[in-house]
Amino acid sequence: MKFFIIITLIICLSTGAFAYSQIPEEERKCEYKLKYSDRLFLFPEKGINKAQREVNEAIKRLKSRYTSEFVDDLKSFLNDPCLLSPINENELLLSSEISQDSEDLFSVRIDIYSYFHGSNGCQQKVVCLNFAMSEYGAKEILLSDLILSTNTLKLLRLSIKNLRGKIDDNIISSLLDEGGLEKYENASGNTKPLSELIHFTINLQAMTIIFPAYTISCGADGILCSEISIKELDKILTPYGKKLFGDINKPRYR
């Protein structure tokens, strides 16, 4: 009975969309619905220090950037005729997950999910922010601050090895074979090196490397995360990286 109801509903929806598509384009009327949700972390404004205030400003800038991009993309749909349905559902969801929030370090992962009732479909992005915190403010930490440029490929190899069980073994083997990762890192033309496409968060125990969808695997695998322990990273860290991880591992943070 339930199966029959589902099939009937699909047929009704399909029939409705087909009937709407038969109306001349100039006579079609569209309704655009937008669902927006913001679950981004911000330090409470009351009593925050300079570094925390600068972190808030960075998160707000990121929020403004992606909401503006979403609005610009949505505007492009407003100029198009409604091809299938009189109601167009659109959604933007911003959420965050704290990796580390301590006296010396702040690290956060921000996910951006958007859906357009159109050819673009669903889009999911991830951005990470990492800051060294001090009385002088928040200093953004880049990957190049932590990992020696000569060790970038070693970092990528460690990351790929830790993805075993998450993606196809054949993909991992091809990436770890001689020249596999070099092909991604030594990109030419408009393609960025893989090390510039990845994101990362850090905490007391590890660095998590985040590969956006389509960077090393098919889109169905989505966003891939690979955690590397501080012990594994020790030999490829810059002097600054060694100092930073040394500071955040002081007993007061345990």
Protein backbone atom coordinates (compact mmCIF):
# COMPACT_ATOMS: atom_id res chain seq x y z
CA MET A 1 0.00 0.00 0.00
CA LYS A 2 2.80 2.43 0.96
CA PHE A 3 4.64 1.61 -2.28
CA PHE A 4 1.48 2.35 -4.27
CA ILE A 5 1.06 5.75 -2.55
CA ILE A 6 4.67 6.73 -3.26
CA ILE A 7 4.37 5.75 -6.93
CA THR A 8 1.09 7.67 -7.20
CA LEU A 9 2.66 10.77 -5.66
CA ILE A 10 5.61 10.63 -8.07
CA ILE A 11 3.26 10.31 -11.02
CA CYS A 12 1.15 13.27 -9.81
CA LEU A 13 4.19 15.47 -9.32
CA SER A 14 5.63 14.49 -12.68
CA THR A 15 2.31 15.10 -14.40
CA GLY A 16 2.00 18.53 -12.75
CA ALA A 17 5.50 19.53 -13.83
CA PHE A 18 4.81 18.31 -17.37
CA ALA A 19 1.54 20.25 -17.56
CA TYR A 20 3.26 23.41 -16.32
CA SER A 21 5.98 23.06 -18.92
CA GLN A 22 3.28 23.14 -21.63
CA ILE A 23 2.29 26.71 -20.67
CA PRO A 24 3.97 29.29 -22.95
CA GLU A 25 7.09 30.72 -21.25
CA GLU A 26 5.82 34.29 -21.27
CA GLU A 27 2.68 33.21 -19.33
CA ARG A 28 4.42 31.21 -16.62
CA LYS A 29 4.57 32.70 -13.13
CA CYS A 30 7.23 31.66 -10.65
CA GLU A 31 7.41 31.74 -6.88
CA TYR A 32 10.92 31.64 -5.36
CA LYS A 33 11.23 30.30 -1.83
CA LEU A 34 14.39 30.74 0.20
CA LYS A 35 15.35 28.83 3.34
CA TYR A 36 18.32 30.31 5.19
CA SER A 37 20.02 28.93 8.29
CA ASP A 38 23.11 30.29 10.04
CA ARG A 39 24.72 28.19 12.75
CA LEU A 40 28.12 29.88 12.77
CA PHE A 41 30.13 30.16 15.97
CA LEU A 42 30.94 33.65 17.23
CA PHE A 43 32.49 34.71 20.51
CA PRO A 44 29.95 36.56 22.71
CA GLU A 45 30.49 40.28 22.16
CA LYS A 46 30.50 41.12 25.86
CA GLY A 47 33.95 40.93 27.43
CA ILE A 48 35.89 39.49 24.47
CA ASN A 49 39.55 40.32 23.92
CA LYS A 50 41.22 41.68 20.78
CA ALA A 51 42.08 38.26 19.31
CA GLN A 52 38.54 36.94 19.77
CA ARG A 53 37.10 40.10 18.22
CA GLU A 54 39.34 39.64 15.16
CA VAL A 55 38.22 36.01 14.84
CA ASN A 56 34.58 37.18 14.88
CA GLU A 57 35.35 39.69 12.14
CA ALA A 58 36.99 37.00 9.98
CA ILE A 59 33.97 34.69 10.35
CA LYS A 60 31.58 37.53 9.52
CA ARG A 61 33.59 38.39 6.38
CA LEU A 62 33.41 34.78 5.28
CA LYS A 63 29.66 34.73 5.93
CA SER A 64 29.20 37.91 3.90
CA ARG A 65 31.24 36.51 1.02
CA TYR A 66 29.26 33.29 0.66
CA THR A 67 25.83 34.85 1.18
CA SER A 68 26.68 37.43 -1.51
CA GLU A 69 27.79 34.69 -3.90
CA PHE A 70 24.57 32.79 -3.21
CA VAL A 71 22.45 35.88 -3.92
CA ASP A 72 24.34 36.54 -7.17
CA ASP A 73 23.77 32.94 -8.28
CA LEU A 74 20.10 33.15 -7.31
CA LYS A 75 19.65 36.34 -9.34
CA SER A 76 20.73 34.48 -12.46
CA PHE A 77 17.74 32.14 -12.00
CA LEU A 78 15.31 35.06 -11.72
CA ASN A 79 16.02 35.96 -15.34
CA ASP A 80 15.30 32.46 -16.59
CA PRO A 81 11.83 31.14 -17.46
CA CYS A 82 10.34 28.58 -15.07
CA LEU A 83 10.90 25.40 -17.01
CA LEU A 84 9.32 22.74 -14.81
CA SER A 85 7.63 24.14 -11.72
CA PRO A 86 5.89 27.33 -10.55
CA ILE A 87 7.58 26.98 -7.13
CA ASN A 88 11.36 27.17 -6.87
CA GLU A 89 12.92 26.01 -3.58
CA ASN A 90 16.33 27.44 -2.67
CA GLU A 91 18.39 26.91 0.46
CA LEU A 92 21.57 28.24 2.07
CA LEU A 93 22.95 26.68 5.25
CA LEU A 94 26.09 27.88 7.05
CA SER A 95 27.39 25.84 9.98
CA SER A 96 30.63 25.54 11.93
CA GLU A 97 32.51 23.00 14.01
CA ILE A 98 35.21 24.06 16.47
CA SER A 99 38.41 22.03 16.35
CA GLN A 100 40.33 24.03 18.97
CA ASP A 101 39.51 27.01 21.16
CA SER A 102 42.26 27.74 23.66
CA GLU A 103 44.46 30.53 24.90
CA ASP A 104 46.98 30.16 22.06
CA LEU A 105 44.99 28.65 19.22
CA PHE A 106 41.58 28.87 17.54
CA SER A 107 40.62 26.49 14.73
CA VAL A 108 37.22 26.10 13.08
CA ARG A 109 35.71 24.28 10.11
CA ILE A 110 32.87 26.04 8.28
CA ASP A 111 30.52 24.18 5.95
CA ILE A 112 28.52 25.95 3.26
CA TYR A 113 25.60 24.04 1.79
CA SER A 114 23.47 25.58 -0.96
CA TYR A 115 20.65 24.28 -3.09
CA PHE A 116 19.20 25.89 -6.19
CA HIS A 117 16.01 24.70 -7.83
CA GLY A 118 17.73 24.55 -11.17
CA SER A 119 20.57 23.07 -13.17
CA ASN A 120 23.19 23.75 -10.48
CA GLY A 121 21.49 21.49 -7.94
CA CYS A 122 23.25 21.02 -4.59
CA GLN A 123 26.63 22.51 -3.76
CA GLN A 124 28.70 21.86 -0.66
CA LYS A 125 31.89 23.68 0.25
CA VAL A 126 34.16 23.73 3.27
CA VAL A 127 36.44 26.51 4.54
CA CYS A 128 38.73 26.41 7.59
CA LEU A 129 40.08 29.26 9.69
CA ASN A 130 43.09 28.85 11.99
CA PHE A 131 44.52 31.56 14.21
CA ALA A 132 47.36 31.89 16.67
CA MET A 133 45.85 33.86 19.57
CA SER A 134 47.72 36.37 21.70
CA GLU A 135 47.27 39.70 23.48
CA TYR A 136 48.28 41.39 20.21
CA GLY A 137 45.42 39.84 18.25
CA ALA A 138 44.66 36.86 16.03
CA LYS A 139 47.30 35.86 13.45
CA GLU A 140 45.96 33.63 10.69
CA ILE A 141 47.88 30.38 10.28
CA LEU A 142 48.45 29.16 6.72
CA LEU A 143 49.55 25.68 5.70
CA SER A 144 52.89 27.13 4.57
CA ASP A 145 53.41 28.44 8.13
CA LEU A 146 53.31 24.89 9.49
CA ILE A 147 54.73 22.65 6.78
CA LEU A 148 58.04 23.16 4.98
CA SER A 149 57.53 23.64 1.23
CA THR A 150 59.91 20.74 0.60
CA ASN A 151 57.61 18.53 2.68
CA THR A 152 54.28 19.33 1.04
CA LEU A 153 54.22 16.03 -0.86
CA LYS A 154 55.04 14.13 2.35
CA LEU A 155 52.04 15.77 4.02
CA LEU A 156 49.79 14.81 1.10
CA ARG A 157 51.04 11.22 1.16
CA LEU A 158 50.36 10.94 4.88
CA SER A 159 46.87 12.31 4.27
CA ILE A 160 46.12 9.88 1.44
CA LYS A 161 47.34 6.87 3.45
CA ASN A 162 44.91 7.76 6.23
CA LEU A 163 42.00 7.69 3.77
CA ARG A 164 42.17 3.91 3.40
CA GLY A 165 38.71 2.50 3.90
CA LYS A 166 37.07 5.81 2.97
CA ILE A 167 37.73 5.76 -0.77
CA ASP A 168 38.52 3.09 -3.34
CA ASP A 169 41.89 1.37 -2.85
CA ASN A 170 42.67 1.79 -6.55
CA ILE A 171 42.42 5.57 -6.19
CA ILE A 172 44.74 5.53 -3.18
CA SER A 173 47.24 3.31 -5.00
CA SER A 174 47.28 5.57 -8.07
CA LEU A 175 47.86 8.64 -5.89
CA LEU A 176 50.66 7.00 -3.91
CA ASP A 177 52.38 5.49 -6.96
CA GLU A 178 55.48 7.28 -8.18
CA GLY A 179 54.42 10.51 -9.87
CA GLY A 180 50.77 10.16 -8.79
CA LEU A 181 50.58 13.05 -6.35
CA GLU A 182 53.21 15.03 -8.25
CA LYS A 183 50.73 15.26 -11.13
CA TYR A 184 48.20 16.96 -8.84
CA GLU A 185 50.77 19.18 -7.15
CA ASN A 186 52.61 20.31 -10.29
CA ALA A 187 49.46 21.58 -11.95
CA SER A 188 49.63 23.80 -15.02
CA GLY A 189 47.40 26.38 -16.63
CA ASN A 190 44.40 27.48 -14.56
CA THR A 191 44.49 24.43 -12.29
CA LYS A 192 45.76 25.06 -8.77
CA PRO A 193 48.20 22.69 -7.01
CA LEU A 194 46.45 20.24 -4.69
CA SER A 195 48.12 21.84 -1.65
CA GLU A 196 46.30 25.09 -2.46
CA LEU A 197 42.91 23.36 -2.75
CA ILE A 198 42.95 21.52 0.57
CA HIS A 199 41.84 22.94 3.91
CA PHE A 200 42.92 22.03 7.42
CA THR A 201 42.08 22.30 11.10
CA ILE A 202 44.40 21.70 14.05
CA ASN A 203 44.00 20.79 17.72
CA LEU A 204 46.07 19.39 20.58
CA GLN A 205 46.41 15.93 19.04
CA ALA A 206 46.31 16.27 15.27
CA MET A 207 45.96 18.15 12.03
CA THR A 208 42.96 17.25 9.87
CA ILE A 209 43.44 17.67 6.13
CA ILE A 210 40.19 18.26 4.24
CA PHE A 211 39.91 17.50 0.53
CA PRO A 212 36.93 19.23 -1.14
CA ALA A 213 34.74 17.11 -3.40
CA TYR A 214 36.26 16.26 -6.80
CA THR A 215 39.85 17.12 -5.81
CA ILE A 216 41.22 13.57 -5.50
CA SER A 217 38.15 11.37 -5.96
CA CYS A 218 34.75 11.30 -7.63
CA GLY A 219 32.02 13.68 -6.50
CA ALA A 220 30.03 10.85 -4.91
CA ASP A 221 32.78 10.50 -2.28
CA GLY A 222 32.07 14.08 -1.17
CA ILE A 223 34.35 16.00 1.15
CA LEU A 224 37.13 13.78 2.52
CA CYS A 225 38.86 14.25 5.90
CA SER A 226 42.20 12.76 6.89
CA GLU A 227 43.52 13.11 10.45
CA ILE A 228 47.30 13.11 10.99
CA SER A 229 48.69 12.91 14.50
CA ILE A 230 51.17 15.50 15.80
CA LYS A 231 53.71 12.69 16.17
CA GLU A 232 53.44 11.87 12.45
CA LEU A 233 53.86 15.55 11.57
CA ASP A 234 56.88 16.21 13.76
CA LYS A 235 59.56 15.69 11.09
CA ILE A 236 57.91 17.87 8.44
CA LEU A 237 56.94 20.89 10.54
CA THR A 238 58.52 24.31 10.16
CA PRO A 239 60.27 25.82 13.20
CA TYR A 240 57.13 27.94 13.71
CA GLY A 241 54.97 24.82 13.53
CA LYS A 242 57.10 23.05 16.13
CA LYS A 243 56.83 26.07 18.43
CA LEU A 244 53.09 26.41 17.92
CA PHE A 245 52.33 22.77 18.64
CA GLY A 246 54.75 22.90 21.54
CA ASP A 247 52.86 25.87 22.99
CA ILE A 248 49.39 24.39 22.56
CA ASN A 249 50.50 21.13 24.17
CA LYS A 250 51.53 22.82 27.42
CA PRO A 251 49.98 21.21 30.54
CA ARG A 252 47.53 24.11 31.09
CA TYR A 253 45.52 22.97 28.07
CA ARG A 254 45.16 19.35 29.18
